[in-house]
Amino acid sequence: MKKRRNELADSIITPCAIVFALFFYSITSPMVYSNMGHLFFYPLYSSYPLQCLYTCGTWMWVFSIIWMMALVGNDKFNETAYNLICGSSLYAYVSHYFFIVMIAVTIIRPYKIDFIPAFFIMIIGTEFLIFATYIPLNYLYELCVPPKQSKKQELSEGDAMEEKEITE
């Protein structure tokens, strides 16, 4: 399984597969927007087969995405991009909803923009605002609290053998 995953990770299809999987997951996720109080909770569906389908489907998608990202998402393809993307992930998780609401209230609703253009404005605008606020905040934080230099951790003999087997 690890050998096959490594082969897939080294191919050009991997970035496309990740984007497609996340997009397809967002389309197939169960969502309730009316008559249920806007809750995303499986037992609220009245049909038992729908409960089973959505629950199993969600777990299968999450498992598949995690399985693919276990190897691919931890590679440092570019040091600066890796630090920016990985470093901003918690900040993005905490702040993204604020930026979504801000864009919706200031741009989408007042100008009555249709769904497709609004979709792209929302995605690009949210990502832009996340990075536009994260980079200066991170810069200020590193001025106040300089990052510590870390030494490379030495591998034990067992870990070195396992790493050698994975790379072969």
N, C-alpha and C. Protein backbone atom coordinates (compact mmCIF):
# COMPACT_ATOMS: atom_id res chain seq x y z
N MET A 1 0.84 -1.18 0.00
CA MET A 1 0.00 0.00 0.00
C MET A 1 0.89 1.25 0.00
N LYS A 2 1.96 1.24 0.82
CA LYS A 2 2.84 2.41 0.87
C LYS A 2 3.58 2.59 -0.45
N LYS A 3 3.96 1.47 -1.09
CA LYS A 3 4.67 1.56 -2.36
C LYS A 3 3.76 2.19 -3.42
N ARG A 4 2.52 1.76 -3.50
CA ARG A 4 1.56 2.31 -4.47
C ARG A 4 1.30 3.78 -4.18
N ARG A 5 1.17 4.13 -2.89
CA ARG A 5 0.94 5.53 -2.51
C ARG A 5 2.13 6.39 -2.92
N ASN A 6 3.34 5.86 -2.74
CA ASN A 6 4.54 6.60 -3.15
C ASN A 6 4.57 6.81 -4.66
N GLU A 7 4.17 5.80 -5.42
CA GLU A 7 4.12 5.93 -6.87
C GLU A 7 3.12 7.00 -7.28
N LEU A 8 1.95 7.00 -6.66
CA LEU A 8 0.93 8.01 -6.96
C LEU A 8 1.42 9.40 -6.56
N ALA A 9 2.11 9.48 -5.43
CA ALA A 9 2.57 10.79 -4.94
C ALA A 9 3.59 11.41 -5.87
N ASP A 10 4.35 10.61 -6.58
CA ASP A 10 5.38 11.12 -7.48
C ASP A 10 4.84 11.45 -8.87
N SER A 11 3.59 11.18 -9.13
CA SER A 11 3.04 11.43 -10.46
C SER A 11 2.40 12.82 -10.53
N ILE A 12 2.17 13.26 -11.73
CA ILE A 12 1.55 14.57 -11.97
C ILE A 12 0.06 14.57 -11.61
N ILE A 13 -0.52 13.40 -11.51
CA ILE A 13 -1.96 13.30 -11.24
C ILE A 13 -2.30 13.67 -9.79
N THR A 14 -1.33 13.63 -8.89
CA THR A 14 -1.60 13.85 -7.47
C THR A 14 -2.21 15.21 -7.16
N PRO A 15 -1.62 16.34 -7.59
CA PRO A 15 -2.25 17.63 -7.27
C PRO A 15 -3.66 17.74 -7.84
N CYS A 16 -3.85 17.24 -9.04
CA CYS A 16 -5.18 17.27 -9.65
C CYS A 16 -6.16 16.40 -8.87
N ALA A 17 -5.71 15.24 -8.44
CA ALA A 17 -6.57 14.33 -7.68
C ALA A 17 -6.97 14.94 -6.34
N ILE A 18 -6.05 15.64 -5.69
CA ILE A 18 -6.36 16.26 -4.41
C ILE A 18 -7.40 17.36 -4.58
N VAL A 19 -7.20 18.21 -5.57
CA VAL A 19 -8.16 19.29 -5.82
C VAL A 19 -9.53 18.71 -6.18
N PHE A 20 -9.54 17.70 -7.06
CA PHE A 20 -10.80 17.07 -7.46
C PHE A 20 -11.48 16.41 -6.26
N ALA A 21 -10.72 15.71 -5.42
CA ALA A 21 -11.30 15.03 -4.26
C ALA A 21 -11.91 16.02 -3.29
N LEU A 22 -11.23 17.12 -3.02
CA LEU A 22 -11.79 18.13 -2.12
C LEU A 22 -13.03 18.78 -2.72
N PHE A 23 -12.99 19.06 -4.01
CA PHE A 23 -14.15 19.66 -4.67
C PHE A 23 -15.34 18.69 -4.66
N PHE A 24 -15.07 17.43 -5.02
CA PHE A 24 -16.15 16.43 -5.05
C PHE A 24 -16.70 16.18 -3.65
N TYR A 25 -15.84 16.21 -2.65
CA TYR A 25 -16.30 16.05 -1.27
C TYR A 25 -17.23 17.20 -0.89
N SER A 26 -16.87 18.42 -1.28
CA SER A 26 -17.72 19.56 -0.93
C SER A 26 -19.08 19.49 -1.60
N ILE A 27 -19.13 18.89 -2.80
CA ILE A 27 -20.41 18.75 -3.50
C ILE A 27 -21.26 17.64 -2.88
N THR A 28 -20.63 16.55 -2.47
CA THR A 28 -21.39 15.40 -1.97
C THR A 28 -21.62 15.43 -0.47
N SER A 29 -21.18 16.46 0.21
CA SER A 29 -21.42 16.54 1.66
C SER A 29 -22.89 16.80 1.94
N PRO A 30 -23.43 16.19 2.97
CA PRO A 30 -24.83 16.46 3.32
C PRO A 30 -24.94 17.83 3.98
N MET A 31 -25.88 18.61 3.51
CA MET A 31 -26.08 19.94 4.07
C MET A 31 -27.57 20.23 4.16
N VAL A 32 -27.97 20.87 5.24
CA VAL A 32 -29.37 21.20 5.45
C VAL A 32 -29.46 22.71 5.59
N TYR A 33 -30.24 23.34 4.72
CA TYR A 33 -30.38 24.79 4.76
C TYR A 33 -31.78 25.25 5.15
N SER A 34 -32.71 24.33 5.33
CA SER A 34 -34.06 24.78 5.66
C SER A 34 -34.77 23.72 6.49
N ASN A 35 -35.74 24.15 7.25
CA ASN A 35 -36.63 23.30 8.04
C ASN A 35 -35.92 22.50 9.13
N MET A 36 -34.65 22.73 9.33
CA MET A 36 -33.94 21.96 10.36
C MET A 36 -33.12 22.87 11.27
N GLY A 37 -33.21 24.16 11.11
CA GLY A 37 -32.44 25.06 11.94
C GLY A 37 -31.00 25.22 11.49
N HIS A 38 -30.71 24.93 10.23
CA HIS A 38 -29.38 25.08 9.66
C HIS A 38 -28.33 24.24 10.38
N LEU A 39 -28.69 23.07 10.82
CA LEU A 39 -27.73 22.20 11.50
C LEU A 39 -27.18 21.17 10.53
N PHE A 40 -25.89 20.89 10.65
CA PHE A 40 -25.24 19.89 9.83
C PHE A 40 -25.07 18.64 10.70
N PHE A 41 -26.13 17.90 10.87
CA PHE A 41 -26.13 16.80 11.82
C PHE A 41 -26.90 15.64 11.19
N TYR A 42 -26.26 14.50 11.01
CA TYR A 42 -26.84 13.39 10.25
C TYR A 42 -28.16 12.85 10.81
N PRO A 43 -28.32 12.67 12.11
CA PRO A 43 -29.61 12.10 12.58
C PRO A 43 -30.83 12.96 12.29
N LEU A 44 -30.63 14.20 11.85
CA LEU A 44 -31.78 15.03 11.52
C LEU A 44 -32.46 14.61 10.23
N TYR A 45 -31.76 13.83 9.41
CA TYR A 45 -32.38 13.35 8.19
C TYR A 45 -33.42 12.29 8.56
N SER A 46 -34.61 12.40 8.02
CA SER A 46 -35.68 11.49 8.42
C SER A 46 -35.50 10.10 7.83
N SER A 47 -34.84 9.99 6.71
CA SER A 47 -34.66 8.70 6.05
C SER A 47 -33.41 8.00 6.58
N TYR A 48 -33.58 6.78 7.08
CA TYR A 48 -32.44 6.03 7.62
C TYR A 48 -31.39 5.72 6.55
N PRO A 49 -31.79 5.32 5.32
CA PRO A 49 -30.77 5.11 4.28
C PRO A 49 -29.93 6.36 3.99
N LEU A 50 -30.56 7.55 4.03
CA LEU A 50 -29.80 8.79 3.82
C LEU A 50 -28.80 9.00 4.95
N GLN A 51 -29.22 8.71 6.19
CA GLN A 51 -28.30 8.84 7.32
C GLN A 51 -27.08 7.95 7.10
N CYS A 52 -27.31 6.70 6.73
CA CYS A 52 -26.21 5.76 6.51
C CYS A 52 -25.33 6.18 5.34
N LEU A 53 -25.97 6.58 4.24
CA LEU A 53 -25.23 6.97 3.05
C LEU A 53 -24.33 8.17 3.33
N TYR A 54 -24.87 9.21 3.92
CA TYR A 54 -24.08 10.41 4.18
C TYR A 54 -22.98 10.16 5.21
N THR A 55 -23.29 9.39 6.24
CA THR A 55 -22.29 9.10 7.27
C THR A 55 -21.14 8.29 6.68
N CYS A 56 -21.45 7.19 6.02
CA CYS A 56 -20.40 6.35 5.42
C CYS A 56 -19.65 7.09 4.32
N GLY A 57 -20.37 7.83 3.49
CA GLY A 57 -19.74 8.58 2.41
C GLY A 57 -18.77 9.63 2.93
N THR A 58 -19.18 10.34 3.97
CA THR A 58 -18.30 11.35 4.54
C THR A 58 -17.03 10.73 5.09
N TRP A 59 -17.18 9.63 5.83
CA TRP A 59 -15.99 8.99 6.39
C TRP A 59 -15.09 8.41 5.31
N MET A 60 -15.66 7.91 4.23
CA MET A 60 -14.84 7.38 3.14
C MET A 60 -14.06 8.50 2.46
N TRP A 61 -14.70 9.65 2.22
CA TRP A 61 -14.00 10.78 1.60
C TRP A 61 -12.90 11.29 2.51
N VAL A 62 -13.20 11.46 3.78
CA VAL A 62 -12.19 11.96 4.71
C VAL A 62 -11.01 11.00 4.77
N PHE A 63 -11.27 9.70 4.85
CA PHE A 63 -10.21 8.70 4.88
C PHE A 63 -9.36 8.78 3.61
N SER A 64 -9.99 8.88 2.46
CA SER A 64 -9.25 8.92 1.19
C SER A 64 -8.37 10.15 1.10
N ILE A 65 -8.90 11.30 1.48
CA ILE A 65 -8.12 12.53 1.41
C ILE A 65 -6.95 12.49 2.39
N ILE A 66 -7.18 12.00 3.59
CA ILE A 66 -6.10 11.89 4.57
C ILE A 66 -5.05 10.90 4.10
N TRP A 67 -5.48 9.80 3.52
CA TRP A 67 -4.55 8.78 3.03
C TRP A 67 -3.63 9.36 1.96
N MET A 68 -4.19 10.14 1.03
CA MET A 68 -3.38 10.74 -0.02
C MET A 68 -2.47 11.85 0.52
N MET A 69 -2.99 12.63 1.45
CA MET A 69 -2.20 13.75 1.96
C MET A 69 -1.14 13.33 2.98
N ALA A 70 -1.22 12.11 3.50
CA ALA A 70 -0.24 11.65 4.48
C ALA A 70 1.17 11.73 3.94
N LEU A 71 1.34 11.43 2.69
CA LEU A 71 2.67 11.50 2.09
C LEU A 71 2.88 12.79 1.32
N VAL A 72 1.92 13.18 0.54
CA VAL A 72 2.09 14.31 -0.37
C VAL A 72 2.12 15.64 0.37
N GLY A 73 1.24 15.81 1.33
CA GLY A 73 1.10 17.10 2.00
C GLY A 73 2.23 17.47 2.92
N ASN A 74 3.11 16.54 3.24
CA ASN A 74 4.21 16.83 4.15
C ASN A 74 5.53 17.05 3.44
N ASP A 75 5.55 17.07 2.12
CA ASP A 75 6.78 17.31 1.38
C ASP A 75 7.06 18.80 1.29
N LYS A 76 8.32 19.17 1.49
CA LYS A 76 8.71 20.56 1.35
C LYS A 76 9.15 20.79 -0.09
N PHE A 77 8.19 21.10 -0.97
CA PHE A 77 8.49 21.34 -2.37
C PHE A 77 9.18 22.68 -2.56
N ASN A 78 8.85 23.62 -1.69
CA ASN A 78 9.47 24.94 -1.70
C ASN A 78 9.42 25.43 -0.25
N GLU A 79 10.55 25.75 0.32
CA GLU A 79 10.64 26.11 1.75
C GLU A 79 9.74 27.30 2.10
N THR A 80 9.76 28.35 1.29
CA THR A 80 8.96 29.54 1.58
C THR A 80 7.47 29.24 1.47
N ALA A 81 7.07 28.59 0.39
CA ALA A 81 5.65 28.25 0.22
C ALA A 81 5.18 27.29 1.30
N TYR A 82 6.02 26.31 1.64
CA TYR A 82 5.66 25.34 2.68
C TYR A 82 5.43 26.06 4.02
N ASN A 83 6.35 26.94 4.39
CA ASN A 83 6.21 27.67 5.66
C ASN A 83 5.00 28.59 5.64
N LEU A 84 4.73 29.22 4.52
CA LEU A 84 3.59 30.12 4.42
C LEU A 84 2.26 29.35 4.51
N ILE A 85 2.14 28.29 3.74
CA ILE A 85 0.89 27.53 3.71
C ILE A 85 0.66 26.79 5.02
N CYS A 86 1.67 26.07 5.49
CA CYS A 86 1.50 25.32 6.74
C CYS A 86 1.41 26.25 7.94
N GLY A 87 2.18 27.33 7.92
CA GLY A 87 2.15 28.26 9.05
C GLY A 87 0.84 29.00 9.16
N SER A 88 0.20 29.26 8.03
CA SER A 88 -1.04 30.03 8.07
C SER A 88 -2.29 29.17 8.20
N SER A 89 -2.13 27.86 8.25
CA SER A 89 -3.32 26.99 8.23
C SER A 89 -4.21 27.19 9.47
N LEU A 90 -3.63 27.30 10.65
CA LEU A 90 -4.46 27.52 11.85
C LEU A 90 -5.11 28.90 11.80
N TYR A 91 -4.32 29.90 11.39
CA TYR A 91 -4.87 31.24 11.26
C TYR A 91 -6.02 31.27 10.24
N ALA A 92 -5.84 30.57 9.13
CA ALA A 92 -6.89 30.50 8.11
C ALA A 92 -8.14 29.82 8.66
N TYR A 93 -7.94 28.75 9.43
CA TYR A 93 -9.08 28.03 10.01
C TYR A 93 -9.86 28.94 10.96
N VAL A 94 -9.15 29.72 11.76
CA VAL A 94 -9.80 30.57 12.75
C VAL A 94 -10.45 31.79 12.10
N SER A 95 -9.83 32.35 11.07
CA SER A 95 -10.30 33.64 10.54
C SER A 95 -11.13 33.57 9.27
N HIS A 96 -11.19 32.42 8.61
CA HIS A 96 -11.82 32.39 7.28
C HIS A 96 -13.29 32.78 7.31
N TYR A 97 -14.02 32.40 8.33
CA TYR A 97 -15.45 32.71 8.35
C TYR A 97 -15.69 34.21 8.45
N PHE A 98 -14.84 34.89 9.22
CA PHE A 98 -14.93 36.35 9.32
C PHE A 98 -14.76 36.99 7.94
N PHE A 99 -13.78 36.52 7.18
CA PHE A 99 -13.54 37.08 5.86
C PHE A 99 -14.66 36.73 4.88
N ILE A 100 -15.24 35.54 5.01
CA ILE A 100 -16.38 35.16 4.17
C ILE A 100 -17.55 36.10 4.42
N VAL A 101 -17.86 36.34 5.68
CA VAL A 101 -18.97 37.24 6.02
C VAL A 101 -18.67 38.65 5.54
N MET A 102 -17.44 39.10 5.73
CA MET A 102 -17.05 40.44 5.31
C MET A 102 -17.22 40.63 3.80
N ILE A 103 -16.79 39.65 3.01
CA ILE A 103 -16.94 39.74 1.55
C ILE A 103 -18.41 39.68 1.16
N ALA A 104 -19.16 38.81 1.80
CA ALA A 104 -20.59 38.68 1.48
C ALA A 104 -21.34 39.97 1.76
N VAL A 105 -21.04 40.60 2.90
CA VAL A 105 -21.78 41.81 3.30
C VAL A 105 -21.33 43.04 2.51
N THR A 106 -20.06 43.12 2.16
CA THR A 106 -19.56 44.33 1.50
C THR A 106 -19.57 44.25 -0.03
N ILE A 107 -19.52 43.04 -0.60
CA ILE A 107 -19.42 42.93 -2.06
C ILE A 107 -20.58 42.15 -2.68
N ILE A 108 -20.78 40.92 -2.22
CA ILE A 108 -21.73 40.01 -2.89
C ILE A 108 -23.17 40.51 -2.77
N ARG A 109 -23.64 40.75 -1.56
CA ARG A 109 -25.05 41.14 -1.38
C ARG A 109 -25.38 42.53 -1.91
N PRO A 110 -24.58 43.56 -1.62
CA PRO A 110 -24.96 44.89 -2.12
C PRO A 110 -25.04 44.98 -3.65
N TYR A 111 -24.16 44.26 -4.34
CA TYR A 111 -24.15 44.32 -5.80
C TYR A 111 -24.97 43.20 -6.44
N LYS A 112 -25.60 42.36 -5.62
CA LYS A 112 -26.47 41.27 -6.08
C LYS A 112 -25.78 40.42 -7.16
N ILE A 113 -24.59 39.94 -6.84
CA ILE A 113 -23.79 39.16 -7.78
C ILE A 113 -24.34 37.74 -7.84
N ASP A 114 -24.43 37.17 -9.05
CA ASP A 114 -24.93 35.81 -9.23
C ASP A 114 -23.99 34.79 -8.59
N PHE A 115 -24.47 33.54 -8.53
CA PHE A 115 -23.76 32.50 -7.78
C PHE A 115 -22.36 32.22 -8.30
N ILE A 116 -22.19 31.96 -9.59
CA ILE A 116 -20.88 31.56 -10.12
C ILE A 116 -19.83 32.66 -9.92
N PRO A 117 -20.10 33.91 -10.31
CA PRO A 117 -19.10 34.94 -10.03
C PRO A 117 -18.87 35.13 -8.53
N ALA A 118 -19.94 35.04 -7.75
CA ALA A 118 -19.80 35.20 -6.30
C ALA A 118 -18.95 34.08 -5.70
N PHE A 119 -19.09 32.89 -6.24
CA PHE A 119 -18.31 31.73 -5.78
C PHE A 119 -16.82 32.01 -5.95
N PHE A 120 -16.42 32.47 -7.12
CA PHE A 120 -15.00 32.74 -7.37
C PHE A 120 -14.51 33.96 -6.61
N ILE A 121 -15.34 34.99 -6.50
CA ILE A 121 -14.96 36.16 -5.70
C ILE A 121 -14.75 35.75 -4.25
N MET A 122 -15.62 34.89 -3.75
CA MET A 122 -15.53 34.46 -2.35
C MET A 122 -14.26 33.65 -2.11
N ILE A 123 -13.97 32.69 -2.98
CA ILE A 123 -12.78 31.84 -2.79
C ILE A 123 -11.50 32.67 -2.91
N ILE A 124 -11.38 33.42 -4.00
CA ILE A 124 -10.16 34.20 -4.22
C ILE A 124 -10.03 35.31 -3.17
N GLY A 125 -11.13 35.97 -2.86
CA GLY A 125 -11.10 37.04 -1.87
C GLY A 125 -10.75 36.55 -0.48
N THR A 126 -11.31 35.42 -0.09
CA THR A 126 -11.01 34.87 1.24
C THR A 126 -9.54 34.47 1.34
N GLU A 127 -9.03 33.78 0.33
CA GLU A 127 -7.62 33.40 0.34
C GLU A 127 -6.72 34.64 0.36
N PHE A 128 -7.07 35.63 -0.45
CA PHE A 128 -6.28 36.86 -0.48
C PHE A 128 -6.26 37.53 0.89
N LEU A 129 -7.43 37.67 1.52
CA LEU A 129 -7.50 38.33 2.82
C LEU A 129 -6.77 37.54 3.91
N ILE A 130 -6.83 36.22 3.82
CA ILE A 130 -6.10 35.40 4.80
C ILE A 130 -4.61 35.68 4.71
N PHE A 131 -4.06 35.61 3.49
CA PHE A 131 -2.62 35.83 3.33
C PHE A 131 -2.24 37.29 3.54
N ALA A 132 -3.11 38.22 3.12
CA ALA A 132 -2.82 39.65 3.28
C ALA A 132 -2.78 40.06 4.75
N THR A 133 -3.49 39.35 5.60
CA THR A 133 -3.43 39.68 7.03
C THR A 133 -2.45 38.79 7.77
N TYR A 134 -2.27 37.55 7.31
CA TYR A 134 -1.35 36.64 8.00
C TYR A 134 0.11 37.07 7.86
N ILE A 135 0.52 37.47 6.67
CA ILE A 135 1.92 37.80 6.43
C ILE A 135 2.38 38.97 7.31
N PRO A 136 1.65 40.10 7.36
CA PRO A 136 2.10 41.17 8.27
C PRO A 136 2.03 40.78 9.75
N LEU A 137 0.98 40.07 10.14
CA LEU A 137 0.89 39.65 11.54
C LEU A 137 2.02 38.70 11.91
N ASN A 138 2.36 37.79 11.03
CA ASN A 138 3.46 36.87 11.28
C ASN A 138 4.79 37.62 11.34
N TYR A 139 4.97 38.59 10.46
CA TYR A 139 6.19 39.40 10.45
C TYR A 139 6.34 40.15 11.78
N LEU A 140 5.26 40.77 12.24
CA LEU A 140 5.29 41.48 13.52
C LEU A 140 5.58 40.52 14.68
N TYR A 141 4.96 39.36 14.65
CA TYR A 141 5.19 38.37 15.71
C TYR A 141 6.65 37.94 15.74
N GLU A 142 7.24 37.69 14.56
CA GLU A 142 8.64 37.25 14.52
C GLU A 142 9.60 38.37 14.89
N LEU A 143 9.19 39.64 14.74
CA LEU A 143 10.01 40.74 15.23
C LEU A 143 10.05 40.74 16.76
N CYS A 144 8.89 40.48 17.36
CA CYS A 144 8.80 40.48 18.83
C CYS A 144 9.37 39.20 19.43
N VAL A 145 9.09 38.08 18.82
CA VAL A 145 9.54 36.78 19.32
C VAL A 145 10.29 36.08 18.19
N PRO A 146 11.63 36.25 18.12
CA PRO A 146 12.37 35.62 17.02
C PRO A 146 12.25 34.10 17.08
N PRO A 147 12.14 33.45 15.89
CA PRO A 147 12.03 31.99 15.88
C PRO A 147 13.31 31.34 16.38
N LYS A 148 13.15 30.23 17.10
CA LYS A 148 14.29 29.50 17.63
C LYS A 148 14.88 28.62 16.54
N GLN A 149 16.19 28.52 16.53
CA GLN A 149 16.86 27.61 15.60
C GLN A 149 16.75 26.20 16.16
N SER A 150 16.32 25.27 15.34
CA SER A 150 16.17 23.90 15.80
C SER A 150 17.21 23.01 15.15
N LYS A 151 17.68 22.03 15.93
CA LYS A 151 18.65 21.07 15.40
C LYS A 151 17.89 19.91 14.78
N LYS A 152 18.49 19.29 13.79
CA LYS A 152 17.89 18.13 13.17
C LYS A 152 17.95 16.96 14.15
N GLN A 153 16.81 16.31 14.34
CA GLN A 153 16.72 15.20 15.27
C GLN A 153 17.39 13.96 14.68
N GLU A 154 18.18 13.30 15.51
CA GLU A 154 18.85 12.09 15.06
C GLU A 154 17.86 10.93 15.09
N LEU A 155 17.94 10.07 14.08
CA LEU A 155 17.06 8.91 14.00
C LEU A 155 17.68 7.75 14.77
N SER A 156 16.83 6.99 15.44
CA SER A 156 17.31 5.77 16.06
C SER A 156 17.53 4.72 14.97
N GLU A 157 18.16 3.64 15.30
CA GLU A 157 18.47 2.62 14.29
C GLU A 157 17.20 2.05 13.66
N GLY A 158 16.18 1.81 14.45
CA GLY A 158 14.92 1.26 13.94
C GLY A 158 14.23 2.23 12.99
N ASP A 159 14.23 3.54 13.36
CA ASP A 159 13.62 4.55 12.50
C ASP A 159 14.37 4.69 11.18
N ALA A 160 15.71 4.60 11.26
CA ALA A 160 16.53 4.71 10.04
C ALA A 160 16.25 3.55 9.10
N MET A 161 16.07 2.35 9.63
CA MET A 161 15.76 1.19 8.79
C MET A 161 14.39 1.33 8.14
N GLU A 162 13.41 1.81 8.94
CA GLU A 162 12.05 1.99 8.41
C GLU A 162 12.04 3.04 7.31
N GLU A 163 12.78 4.15 7.50
CA GLU A 163 12.84 5.21 6.51
C GLU A 163 13.50 4.69 5.23
N LYS A 164 14.53 3.86 5.38
CA LYS A 164 15.20 3.28 4.23
C LYS A 164 14.26 2.39 3.42
N GLU A 165 13.41 1.58 4.13
CA GLU A 165 12.47 0.71 3.46
C GLU A 165 11.41 1.51 2.70
N ILE A 166 10.97 2.61 3.30
CA ILE A 166 9.94 3.43 2.66
C ILE A 166 10.48 4.07 1.39
N THR A 167 11.72 4.56 1.43
CA THR A 167 12.28 5.22 0.25
C THR A 167 12.61 4.24 -0.86
N GLU A 168 12.86 3.00 -0.53
CA GLU A 168 13.16 2.01 -1.56
C GLU A 168 11.88 1.57 -2.18
